[in-house]
């Protein structure tokens, strides 16, 4: 749950810094505004494809790096 909160907080901070509404992120991501709100609240999980769509809308050049435990 902690990681979900960290990711949703980071996405929300980025969205606000860019001056975008949840609706604008949703439009860029091709998903509903309700899905963006659900993700940002971190109250409930969203589908992986929705998460990736939000992340792609906010971050142009992100990459996955290997995480060590």
Protein backbone atom coordinates (compact mmCIF):
# COMPACT_ATOMS: atom_id res chain seq x y z
CA UNK A 1 0.00 0.00 0.00
CA UNK A 2 2.86 2.39 0.78
CA UNK A 3 4.28 2.15 -2.74
CA UNK A 4 0.86 2.83 -4.25
CA UNK A 5 0.61 5.99 -2.14
CA UNK A 6 4.11 7.11 -3.13
CA UNK A 7 3.35 6.65 -6.84
CA UNK A 8 -0.02 8.38 -6.66
CA UNK A 9 1.46 11.29 -4.67
CA UNK A 10 4.27 11.69 -7.20
CA UNK A 11 1.82 11.69 -10.10
CA UNK A 12 -0.43 14.24 -8.41
CA UNK A 13 2.52 16.55 -7.60
CA UNK A 14 3.67 16.33 -11.22
CA UNK A 15 0.18 17.06 -12.54
CA UNK A 16 -0.18 20.10 -10.29
CA UNK A 17 3.30 21.38 -11.16
CA UNK A 18 2.35 21.17 -14.85
CA UNK A 19 -0.88 23.05 -14.14
CA UNK A 20 -3.05 20.24 -15.50
CA UNK A 21 -6.44 19.14 -14.24
CA UNK A 22 -7.31 15.50 -13.71
CA UNK A 23 -9.46 15.81 -16.82
CA UNK A 24 -6.49 16.96 -18.91
CA UNK A 25 -4.39 14.02 -17.74
CA UNK A 26 -7.30 11.69 -18.47
CA UNK A 27 -7.69 13.09 -21.97
CA UNK A 28 -3.98 12.70 -22.71
CA UNK A 29 -4.05 9.17 -21.25
CA UNK A 30 -7.24 8.12 -23.02
CA UNK A 31 -9.00 7.17 -19.78
CA UNK A 32 -11.71 8.69 -17.60
CA UNK A 33 -11.18 11.53 -15.14
CA UNK A 34 -12.68 9.25 -12.48
CA UNK A 35 -9.86 6.77 -13.06
CA UNK A 36 -7.25 9.51 -12.53
CA UNK A 37 -9.05 10.61 -9.36
CA UNK A 38 -9.18 7.03 -8.11
CA UNK A 39 -5.44 6.64 -8.72
CA UNK A 40 -4.57 9.91 -7.02
CA UNK A 41 -6.65 9.08 -3.96
CA UNK A 42 -4.79 5.76 -3.70
CA UNK A 43 -7.88 4.46 -1.94
CA UNK A 44 -8.29 1.66 -4.47
CA UNK A 45 -6.14 0.05 -7.11
CA UNK A 46 -6.52 0.66 -10.82
CA UNK A 47 -5.72 -1.58 -13.77
CA UNK A 48 -2.10 -1.76 -14.84
CA UNK A 49 -2.91 -0.44 -18.32
CA UNK A 50 -4.62 2.59 -16.74
CA UNK A 51 -1.63 3.22 -14.49
CA UNK A 52 0.73 3.05 -17.47
CA UNK A 53 -1.49 5.41 -19.47
CA UNK A 54 -1.42 7.97 -16.65
CA UNK A 55 2.35 7.59 -16.25
CA UNK A 56 2.90 7.97 -20.01
CA UNK A 57 0.75 11.13 -20.03
CA UNK A 58 2.78 12.69 -17.21
CA UNK A 59 6.29 11.49 -18.01
CA UNK A 60 7.50 11.53 -21.61
CA UNK A 61 10.71 9.60 -21.19
CA UNK A 62 10.41 7.32 -18.20
CA UNK A 63 12.12 3.96 -18.10
CA UNK A 64 12.00 0.99 -15.79
CA UNK A 65 15.22 0.17 -14.05
CA UNK A 66 16.03 -2.97 -12.16
CA UNK A 67 15.04 -2.74 -8.52
CA UNK A 68 16.95 -4.65 -5.89
CA UNK A 69 15.23 -5.99 -2.83
